[in-house]
Amino acid sequence: MLLNSEAYDACISYFADNLNLFEASSASKEGTLISDIVADQVANMLLVFCQQQPQLDNNARFKVIAEGDKLVEDIEQILGRQWNKPASKTQTEFIEEYFLLLKNSLDSQIPSN
């Protein structure tokens, strides 16, 4: 649903364009791991999306949830070695804002009534 869209491609490009935020010089020495923040953001985004779209049948919901795993894999590939490192405040804020953008993109894939 989301992953096969131009909106998703644009979101991934946006993330890749901001990789400078994840360079070693801006990394934190302690805190929550980037991988954990991304996993939490994906889970929260999908939960909210499914709650806000009660008209979706179970098949559509399962497709959206399955895309969550692929989304995590895509971001892990982009971040490479930074994936299992603690996130700085700036990195955490970027990831949170990024998932708001993704949520909006996902919402735009659902036709309005």
N, C-alpha and C. Protein backbone atom coordinates (compact mmCIF):
# COMPACT_ATOMS: atom_id res chain seq x y z
N MET A 1 0.83 -1.18 0.00
CA MET A 1 0.00 0.00 0.00
C MET A 1 0.88 1.25 0.00
N LEU A 2 1.70 1.42 1.01
CA LEU A 2 2.57 2.59 1.10
C LEU A 2 3.87 2.37 0.33
N LEU A 3 4.45 1.20 0.48
CA LEU A 3 5.80 0.97 -0.04
C LEU A 3 5.88 0.97 -1.56
N ASN A 4 4.77 0.79 -2.21
CA ASN A 4 4.76 0.78 -3.68
C ASN A 4 4.18 2.08 -4.21
N SER A 5 4.61 3.18 -3.63
CA SER A 5 4.07 4.48 -4.04
C SER A 5 5.20 5.48 -4.27
N GLU A 6 4.89 6.48 -5.04
CA GLU A 6 5.85 7.57 -5.25
C GLU A 6 6.09 8.32 -3.94
N ALA A 7 5.06 8.40 -3.11
CA ALA A 7 5.20 9.10 -1.83
C ALA A 7 6.24 8.41 -0.96
N TYR A 8 6.24 7.08 -0.95
CA TYR A 8 7.23 6.35 -0.16
C TYR A 8 8.63 6.56 -0.71
N ASP A 9 8.75 6.51 -2.03
CA ASP A 9 10.06 6.73 -2.65
C ASP A 9 10.59 8.12 -2.27
N ALA A 10 9.70 9.11 -2.26
CA ALA A 10 10.11 10.47 -1.87
C ALA A 10 10.52 10.51 -0.40
N CYS A 11 9.81 9.79 0.45
CA CYS A 11 10.15 9.76 1.88
C CYS A 11 11.51 9.11 2.10
N ILE A 12 11.77 8.02 1.41
CA ILE A 12 13.06 7.33 1.55
C ILE A 12 14.18 8.24 1.03
N SER A 13 13.95 8.92 -0.05
CA SER A 13 14.95 9.86 -0.57
C SER A 13 15.22 10.97 0.43
N TYR A 14 14.16 11.46 1.06
CA TYR A 14 14.30 12.51 2.07
C TYR A 14 15.16 12.01 3.23
N PHE A 15 14.91 10.77 3.67
CA PHE A 15 15.71 10.20 4.76
C PHE A 15 17.18 10.10 4.33
N ALA A 16 17.41 9.58 3.14
CA ALA A 16 18.78 9.43 2.65
C ALA A 16 19.47 10.79 2.50
N ASP A 17 18.71 11.80 2.10
CA ASP A 17 19.28 13.14 1.95
C ASP A 17 19.71 13.75 3.29
N ASN A 18 19.20 13.21 4.38
CA ASN A 18 19.52 13.73 5.71
C ASN A 18 20.44 12.82 6.51
N LEU A 19 21.17 11.97 5.82
CA LEU A 19 22.09 11.06 6.50
C LEU A 19 23.18 11.78 7.28
N ASN A 20 23.47 13.01 6.92
CA ASN A 20 24.48 13.76 7.65
C ASN A 20 24.13 13.88 9.13
N LEU A 21 22.84 13.79 9.47
CA LEU A 21 22.43 13.82 10.88
C LEU A 21 22.91 12.59 11.65
N PHE A 22 23.26 11.54 10.92
CA PHE A 22 23.63 10.28 11.55
C PHE A 22 25.12 9.98 11.44
N GLU A 23 25.90 10.97 11.04
CA GLU A 23 27.33 10.78 10.97
C GLU A 23 27.90 10.59 12.37
N ALA A 24 29.04 9.94 12.44
CA ALA A 24 29.65 9.61 13.73
C ALA A 24 29.88 10.83 14.61
N SER A 25 30.17 11.96 14.00
CA SER A 25 30.46 13.16 14.80
C SER A 25 29.23 13.68 15.53
N SER A 26 28.04 13.34 15.03
CA SER A 26 26.82 13.81 15.69
C SER A 26 26.18 12.72 16.55
N ALA A 27 26.85 11.58 16.65
CA ALA A 27 26.29 10.46 17.40
C ALA A 27 26.38 10.70 18.90
N SER A 28 25.47 10.05 19.60
CA SER A 28 25.44 10.12 21.06
C SER A 28 26.19 8.92 21.61
N LYS A 29 26.70 9.05 22.80
CA LYS A 29 27.42 7.95 23.44
C LYS A 29 26.49 7.08 24.30
N GLU A 30 25.34 7.65 24.65
CA GLU A 30 24.39 6.88 25.46
C GLU A 30 22.98 7.30 25.08
N GLY A 31 22.03 6.45 25.44
CA GLY A 31 20.63 6.73 25.13
C GLY A 31 20.00 5.55 24.41
N THR A 32 18.81 5.79 23.91
CA THR A 32 18.05 4.76 23.22
C THR A 32 18.67 4.49 21.85
N LEU A 33 18.76 3.23 21.49
CA LEU A 33 19.32 2.85 20.20
C LEU A 33 18.42 3.34 19.07
N ILE A 34 19.05 3.74 17.97
CA ILE A 34 18.30 4.17 16.79
C ILE A 34 17.35 3.07 16.35
N SER A 35 17.80 1.83 16.36
CA SER A 35 16.95 0.71 15.94
C SER A 35 15.69 0.61 16.79
N ASP A 36 15.81 0.86 18.08
CA ASP A 36 14.64 0.80 18.97
C ASP A 36 13.68 1.96 18.71
N ILE A 37 14.24 3.13 18.44
CA ILE A 37 13.39 4.29 18.14
C ILE A 37 12.61 4.05 16.86
N VAL A 38 13.29 3.55 15.83
CA VAL A 38 12.62 3.28 14.56
C VAL A 38 11.53 2.22 14.75
N ALA A 39 11.84 1.15 15.45
CA ALA A 39 10.84 0.09 15.68
C ALA A 39 9.63 0.63 16.42
N ASP A 40 9.85 1.45 17.44
CA ASP A 40 8.74 2.05 18.18
C ASP A 40 7.91 2.98 17.30
N GLN A 41 8.58 3.76 16.48
CA GLN A 41 7.87 4.69 15.61
C GLN A 41 7.03 3.94 14.57
N VAL A 42 7.58 2.87 14.01
CA VAL A 42 6.83 2.07 13.04
C VAL A 42 5.59 1.47 13.71
N ALA A 43 5.78 0.88 14.88
CA ALA A 43 4.66 0.26 15.60
C ALA A 43 3.59 1.30 15.92
N ASN A 44 3.99 2.46 16.42
CA ASN A 44 3.03 3.50 16.76
C ASN A 44 2.30 4.01 15.53
N MET A 45 3.04 4.23 14.44
CA MET A 45 2.44 4.73 13.21
C MET A 45 1.38 3.76 12.69
N LEU A 46 1.71 2.48 12.68
CA LEU A 46 0.78 1.48 12.15
C LEU A 46 -0.44 1.32 13.06
N LEU A 47 -0.21 1.38 14.35
CA LEU A 47 -1.32 1.28 15.31
C LEU A 47 -2.29 2.45 15.13
N VAL A 48 -1.77 3.64 15.08
CA VAL A 48 -2.62 4.83 14.90
C VAL A 48 -3.34 4.77 13.55
N PHE A 49 -2.61 4.40 12.51
CA PHE A 49 -3.21 4.32 11.19
C PHE A 49 -4.39 3.35 11.19
N CYS A 50 -4.20 2.16 11.73
CA CYS A 50 -5.29 1.17 11.74
C CYS A 50 -6.47 1.63 12.59
N GLN A 51 -6.20 2.33 13.68
CA GLN A 51 -7.28 2.86 14.50
C GLN A 51 -8.06 3.95 13.77
N GLN A 52 -7.37 4.73 12.97
CA GLN A 52 -8.01 5.84 12.27
C GLN A 52 -8.69 5.41 10.97
N GLN A 53 -8.50 4.18 10.56
CA GLN A 53 -9.07 3.69 9.31
C GLN A 53 -9.96 2.46 9.56
N PRO A 54 -11.06 2.63 10.31
CA PRO A 54 -11.89 1.47 10.64
C PRO A 54 -12.55 0.82 9.42
N GLN A 55 -12.61 1.53 8.30
CA GLN A 55 -13.24 0.98 7.11
C GLN A 55 -12.37 -0.06 6.39
N LEU A 56 -11.10 -0.14 6.75
CA LEU A 56 -10.21 -1.11 6.10
C LEU A 56 -10.56 -2.53 6.53
N ASP A 57 -10.58 -3.44 5.56
CA ASP A 57 -10.82 -4.84 5.91
C ASP A 57 -9.53 -5.44 6.46
N ASN A 58 -9.65 -6.64 6.99
CA ASN A 58 -8.50 -7.29 7.62
C ASN A 58 -7.34 -7.51 6.65
N ASN A 59 -7.65 -7.84 5.38
CA ASN A 59 -6.58 -8.04 4.40
C ASN A 59 -5.76 -6.78 4.22
N ALA A 60 -6.43 -5.65 4.11
CA ALA A 60 -5.72 -4.38 3.94
C ALA A 60 -4.88 -4.07 5.18
N ARG A 61 -5.43 -4.34 6.35
CA ARG A 61 -4.68 -4.10 7.59
C ARG A 61 -3.43 -4.98 7.66
N PHE A 62 -3.56 -6.24 7.29
CA PHE A 62 -2.41 -7.14 7.31
C PHE A 62 -1.33 -6.69 6.32
N LYS A 63 -1.75 -6.19 5.17
CA LYS A 63 -0.78 -5.69 4.19
C LYS A 63 -0.02 -4.49 4.76
N VAL A 64 -0.74 -3.59 5.40
CA VAL A 64 -0.10 -2.41 5.98
C VAL A 64 0.88 -2.83 7.07
N ILE A 65 0.48 -3.73 7.92
CA ILE A 65 1.35 -4.18 9.01
C ILE A 65 2.58 -4.91 8.46
N ALA A 66 2.39 -5.72 7.43
CA ALA A 66 3.53 -6.42 6.82
C ALA A 66 4.53 -5.44 6.23
N GLU A 67 4.03 -4.32 5.73
CA GLU A 67 4.92 -3.31 5.17
C GLU A 67 5.79 -2.68 6.26
N GLY A 68 5.33 -2.73 7.50
CA GLY A 68 6.12 -2.19 8.60
C GLY A 68 7.47 -2.85 8.71
N ASP A 69 7.51 -4.18 8.54
CA ASP A 69 8.79 -4.90 8.59
C ASP A 69 9.72 -4.46 7.46
N LYS A 70 9.17 -4.30 6.28
CA LYS A 70 9.97 -3.86 5.13
C LYS A 70 10.46 -2.44 5.34
N LEU A 71 9.64 -1.61 5.93
CA LEU A 71 10.03 -0.23 6.22
C LEU A 71 11.22 -0.19 7.17
N VAL A 72 11.18 -1.01 8.21
CA VAL A 72 12.30 -1.09 9.15
C VAL A 72 13.56 -1.55 8.42
N GLU A 73 13.42 -2.56 7.57
CA GLU A 73 14.58 -3.06 6.81
C GLU A 73 15.17 -1.97 5.92
N ASP A 74 14.30 -1.19 5.27
CA ASP A 74 14.79 -0.12 4.39
C ASP A 74 15.60 0.91 5.16
N ILE A 75 15.09 1.30 6.32
CA ILE A 75 15.80 2.31 7.11
C ILE A 75 17.09 1.73 7.68
N GLU A 76 17.05 0.46 8.07
CA GLU A 76 18.28 -0.19 8.56
C GLU A 76 19.34 -0.19 7.47
N GLN A 77 18.95 -0.46 6.24
CA GLN A 77 19.91 -0.46 5.14
C GLN A 77 20.49 0.93 4.91
N ILE A 78 19.66 1.94 5.00
CA ILE A 78 20.13 3.31 4.79
C ILE A 78 21.14 3.69 5.88
N LEU A 79 20.84 3.34 7.11
CA LEU A 79 21.68 3.77 8.23
C LEU A 79 22.94 2.93 8.42
N GLY A 80 22.92 1.70 7.96
CA GLY A 80 24.10 0.85 8.06
C GLY A 80 24.60 0.71 9.49
N ARG A 81 25.83 1.08 9.72
CA ARG A 81 26.48 0.89 11.03
C ARG A 81 25.87 1.74 12.13
N GLN A 82 25.17 2.78 11.78
CA GLN A 82 24.57 3.65 12.80
C GLN A 82 23.33 3.01 13.43
N TRP A 83 22.80 1.97 12.82
CA TRP A 83 21.55 1.34 13.23
C TRP A 83 21.52 0.96 14.70
N ASN A 84 22.57 0.39 15.21
CA ASN A 84 22.60 -0.10 16.60
C ASN A 84 23.38 0.83 17.54
N LYS A 85 23.39 2.10 17.20
CA LYS A 85 24.07 3.08 18.05
C LYS A 85 23.02 3.95 18.75
N PRO A 86 23.39 4.51 19.89
CA PRO A 86 22.47 5.41 20.59
C PRO A 86 22.18 6.65 19.75
N ALA A 87 20.94 7.11 19.83
CA ALA A 87 20.52 8.28 19.07
C ALA A 87 20.73 9.55 19.87
N SER A 88 21.16 10.58 19.19
CA SER A 88 21.25 11.90 19.81
C SER A 88 19.84 12.51 19.83
N LYS A 89 19.70 13.60 20.52
CA LYS A 89 18.41 14.29 20.57
C LYS A 89 17.98 14.71 19.17
N THR A 90 18.90 15.24 18.39
CA THR A 90 18.60 15.68 17.02
C THR A 90 18.16 14.50 16.15
N GLN A 91 18.86 13.38 16.29
CA GLN A 91 18.50 12.19 15.51
C GLN A 91 17.11 11.68 15.90
N THR A 92 16.83 11.67 17.19
CA THR A 92 15.52 11.22 17.66
C THR A 92 14.43 12.12 17.11
N GLU A 93 14.64 13.42 17.16
CA GLU A 93 13.65 14.37 16.64
C GLU A 93 13.44 14.17 15.15
N PHE A 94 14.52 13.96 14.41
CA PHE A 94 14.40 13.73 12.97
C PHE A 94 13.58 12.46 12.69
N ILE A 95 13.88 11.38 13.40
CA ILE A 95 13.16 10.12 13.20
C ILE A 95 11.68 10.31 13.50
N GLU A 96 11.35 10.99 14.59
CA GLU A 96 9.95 11.22 14.94
C GLU A 96 9.24 12.05 13.87
N GLU A 97 9.89 13.10 13.39
CA GLU A 97 9.30 13.93 12.33
C GLU A 97 9.17 13.14 11.04
N TYR A 98 10.15 12.30 10.76
CA TYR A 98 10.11 11.48 9.56
C TYR A 98 8.89 10.55 9.57
N PHE A 99 8.60 9.99 10.72
CA PHE A 99 7.45 9.08 10.79
C PHE A 99 6.12 9.81 10.73
N LEU A 100 6.09 11.06 11.10
CA LEU A 100 4.89 11.87 10.87
C LEU A 100 4.69 12.07 9.36
N LEU A 101 5.77 12.31 8.66
CA LEU A 101 5.72 12.43 7.21
C LEU A 101 5.25 11.13 6.57
N LEU A 102 5.80 10.02 7.03
CA LEU A 102 5.37 8.71 6.51
C LEU A 102 3.90 8.45 6.79
N LYS A 103 3.46 8.80 7.99
CA LYS A 103 2.05 8.60 8.35
C LYS A 103 1.15 9.40 7.42
N ASN A 104 1.54 10.63 7.13
CA ASN A 104 0.76 11.45 6.20
C ASN A 104 0.74 10.81 4.81
N SER A 105 1.86 10.26 4.40
CA SER A 105 1.92 9.58 3.11
C SER A 105 1.03 8.35 3.09
N LEU A 106 1.02 7.61 4.17
CA LEU A 106 0.17 6.44 4.27
C LEU A 106 -1.30 6.85 4.24
N ASP A 107 -1.64 7.88 4.98
CA ASP A 107 -3.02 8.39 4.98
C ASP A 107 -3.47 8.79 3.58
N SER A 108 -2.55 9.36 2.80
CA SER A 108 -2.91 9.83 1.47
C SER A 108 -3.20 8.67 0.51
N GLN A 109 -2.81 7.46 0.87
CA GLN A 109 -3.07 6.30 0.03
C GLN A 109 -4.50 5.77 0.18
N ILE A 110 -5.19 6.24 1.20
CA ILE A 110 -6.55 5.79 1.47
C ILE A 110 -7.53 6.79 0.84
N PRO A 111 -8.41 6.31 -0.03
CA PRO A 111 -9.37 7.23 -0.63
C PRO A 111 -10.31 7.80 0.44
N SER A 112 -10.59 9.10 0.33
CA SER A 112 -11.53 9.71 1.28
C SER A 112 -12.95 9.43 0.84
N ASN A 113 -13.82 9.36 1.83
CA ASN A 113 -15.24 9.06 1.52
C ASN A 113 -16.00 10.31 1.16
